[in-house]
Every structure is written in structure tokens, then in C-alpha cells.
Amino acid sequence: MDENWTQHGKVRARETETGLTLEVDGLTSQARYYKPLIYEFFRKAWRGARPAWGEFSVEIWMDYMGDPPWLDLDNLAKAVLDAIKGYAFHDDAQVARLLVQRREGARERIVVAVSRLGDGGPAWRR
């Protein structure tokens, strides 16, 4: 794994030129599982940038192998947004663009990409 990643248990994240990338290994059909898992990662391990103001784009991908798990994507989005609130942005009302997608992948995981809209610069360097 690249040294730019911070990892705690099944969750890892890194700052990129455009924002924040977060990955959670494994899948479950229970969306509520992700909120405490991601929140614990940020509380215990994350030492990256502080939350920012402005509008954000959040993309959430559920990568699966074989048959897709029975999971409501809207519940997954709510759990992820609640977990990253206070770390990527101050309030999830700042999310102006949200994409949640299920896709076949090489391994089972949740991938979250957060980027700031508007000024084109990385929010995490301010």
C-alpha cells in the first residue's frame, strides 16, 4: 500500500490533489454498519486536513464480486455522509453533487471520493 494512505482496521483514506479518497474493505447488506466504522477511523487515525466550507461533490461506489449485495444505496449514502461530516466538510448540506453507484469490481469494498466544487483547487491544502 502507498505510504500516503492512513489506515485503521478496514478503513483507509488519503488526501489527493482534488480532495479526499476513502476506502472500506468488505461489504455487508447493513448500511448502518458503515457509519460507526468510518467515524471511528476519523476519530482515532485521521490526522489529515480539517473540514472546509463551500460546496462539495461526493461520489460513493460499492464494488462487488458475483451477485450484488441487497443494500439500499440511499441508506449507504446517508451512513457515509453522516460519518464524514465534521472531517471532510462541516455539514452534509454542503454536498451539492452526490453520486452513489453499484459496480462490479476486483474486490468487495466501498470507495468514497470527496472534492470541492467551484474554485478548482484542492480543499485539503487550505
Protein backbone atom coordinates (compact mmCIF):
# COMPACT_ATOMS: atom_id res chain seq x y z
CA MET A 1 0.00 0.00 0.00
CA ASP A 2 1.15 3.53 -0.77
CA GLU A 3 2.60 5.43 2.19
CA ASN A 4 0.14 8.29 1.53
CA TRP A 5 -2.70 6.20 2.95
CA THR A 6 -3.74 6.32 6.59
CA GLN A 7 -5.30 3.03 7.71
CA HIS A 8 -7.19 1.82 10.76
CA GLY A 9 -8.79 -1.61 10.54
CA LYS A 10 -10.85 -1.97 7.37
CA VAL A 11 -10.82 1.76 6.57
CA ARG A 12 -8.11 3.77 4.84
CA ALA A 13 -8.01 7.31 3.44
CA ARG A 14 -5.68 9.73 1.75
CA GLU A 15 -5.64 13.30 0.62
CA THR A 16 -5.30 13.78 -3.13
CA GLU A 17 -4.80 16.80 -5.37
CA THR A 18 -8.57 17.08 -5.77
CA GLY A 19 -9.78 16.14 -2.30
CA LEU A 20 -10.15 13.04 -0.18
CA THR A 21 -10.39 9.36 -1.09
CA LEU A 22 -11.72 6.85 1.42
CA GLU A 23 -11.95 3.05 1.08
CA VAL A 24 -13.69 0.48 3.27
CA ASP A 25 -12.80 -3.18 2.70
CA GLY A 26 -15.60 -5.72 2.54
CA LEU A 27 -19.35 -5.43 2.08
CA THR A 28 -22.39 -6.01 4.23
CA SER A 29 -26.09 -5.64 3.49
CA GLN A 30 -26.45 -3.41 6.57
CA ALA A 31 -25.75 0.24 5.68
CA ARG A 32 -25.75 1.22 9.36
CA TYR A 33 -22.53 -0.82 9.78
CA TYR A 34 -20.51 1.78 7.85
CA LYS A 35 -21.25 4.90 9.91
CA PRO A 36 -19.55 3.83 13.18
CA LEU A 37 -16.73 2.10 11.28
CA ILE A 38 -15.82 5.22 9.26
CA TYR A 39 -16.44 7.57 12.17
CA GLU A 40 -14.07 5.55 14.38
CA PHE A 41 -11.39 5.73 11.68
CA PHE A 42 -11.60 9.53 11.54
CA ARG A 43 -11.70 9.88 15.31
CA LYS A 44 -8.78 7.53 16.03
CA ALA A 45 -6.48 7.56 13.00
CA TRP A 46 -7.08 10.54 10.70
CA ARG A 47 -4.60 13.38 11.01
CA GLY A 48 -5.32 14.98 7.65
CA ALA A 49 -6.94 18.26 6.73
CA ARG A 50 -9.66 19.93 8.73
CA PRO A 51 -13.23 20.29 7.41
CA ALA A 52 -13.80 23.08 4.92
CA TRP A 53 -16.67 25.38 3.92
CA GLY A 54 -18.08 25.60 0.41
CA GLU A 55 -19.82 23.15 -1.86
CA PHE A 56 -18.66 19.58 -2.35
CA SER A 57 -19.07 16.68 -4.72
CA VAL A 58 -19.24 13.22 -3.15
CA GLU A 59 -19.02 10.03 -5.20
CA ILE A 60 -19.67 6.69 -3.50
CA TRP A 61 -19.06 3.39 -5.26
CA MET A 62 -19.97 -0.02 -3.93
CA ASP A 63 -17.64 -2.51 -5.65
CA TYR A 64 -18.87 -6.10 -5.50
CA MET A 65 -17.91 -9.52 -6.85
CA GLY A 66 -20.51 -12.01 -8.09
CA ASP A 67 -24.08 -11.09 -7.26
CA PRO A 68 -24.55 -7.57 -5.85
CA PRO A 69 -25.49 -7.49 -2.17
CA TRP A 70 -29.01 -6.48 -1.21
CA LEU A 71 -28.24 -2.98 0.02
CA ASP A 72 -30.23 0.23 -0.49
CA LEU A 73 -27.79 2.74 -1.95
CA ASP A 74 -29.65 5.70 -0.43
CA ASN A 75 -29.08 4.23 3.05
CA LEU A 76 -25.41 3.69 2.24
CA ALA A 77 -25.08 7.33 1.13
CA LYS A 78 -26.70 8.61 4.33
CA ALA A 79 -24.43 6.48 6.54
CA VAL A 80 -21.27 7.60 4.69
CA LEU A 81 -22.23 11.30 4.66
CA ASP A 82 -23.04 11.21 8.38
CA ALA A 83 -19.67 9.55 9.09
CA ILE A 84 -17.51 12.01 7.12
CA LYS A 85 -19.37 15.11 8.32
CA GLY A 86 -17.05 17.12 10.50
CA TYR A 87 -13.96 15.72 8.77
CA ALA A 88 -14.36 16.41 5.03
CA PHE A 89 -16.89 19.24 5.39
CA HIS A 90 -18.77 20.86 8.26
CA ASP A 91 -22.29 19.75 7.30
CA ASP A 92 -23.71 17.38 4.71
CA ALA A 93 -25.88 20.26 3.45
CA GLN A 94 -22.66 21.40 1.73
CA VAL A 95 -22.91 18.43 -0.66
CA ALA A 96 -24.13 19.93 -3.94
CA ARG A 97 -23.44 16.85 -6.06
CA LEU A 98 -23.89 13.24 -4.95
CA LEU A 99 -23.32 10.09 -7.00
CA VAL A 100 -23.94 6.66 -5.50
CA GLN A 101 -23.28 3.69 -7.73
CA ARG A 102 -23.04 -0.09 -7.51
CA ARG A 103 -20.43 -1.60 -9.84
CA GLU A 104 -18.71 -4.92 -10.38
CA GLY A 105 -15.12 -4.79 -9.15
CA ALA A 106 -11.99 -6.79 -8.48
CA ARG A 107 -12.75 -6.89 -4.74
CA GLU A 108 -15.58 -6.00 -2.39
CA ARG A 109 -15.30 -2.52 -0.97
CA ILE A 110 -16.84 0.93 -0.61
CA VAL A 111 -14.94 3.79 -2.27
CA VAL A 112 -15.71 7.44 -1.45
CA ALA A 113 -14.26 10.43 -3.33
CA VAL A 114 -14.87 13.90 -1.90
CA SER A 115 -13.87 17.01 -3.84
CA ARG A 116 -14.59 20.69 -3.51
CA LEU A 117 -16.70 22.35 -6.20
CA GLY A 118 -16.19 25.82 -7.57
CA ASP A 119 -12.69 27.13 -7.25
CA GLY A 120 -10.98 24.12 -8.82
CA GLY A 121 -8.28 23.97 -6.15
CA PRO A 122 -7.85 21.25 -3.58
CA ALA A 123 -9.84 21.95 -0.43
CA TRP A 124 -7.40 19.97 1.72
CA ARG A 125 -4.48 22.37 1.36
CA ARG A 126 -6.23 25.39 2.93
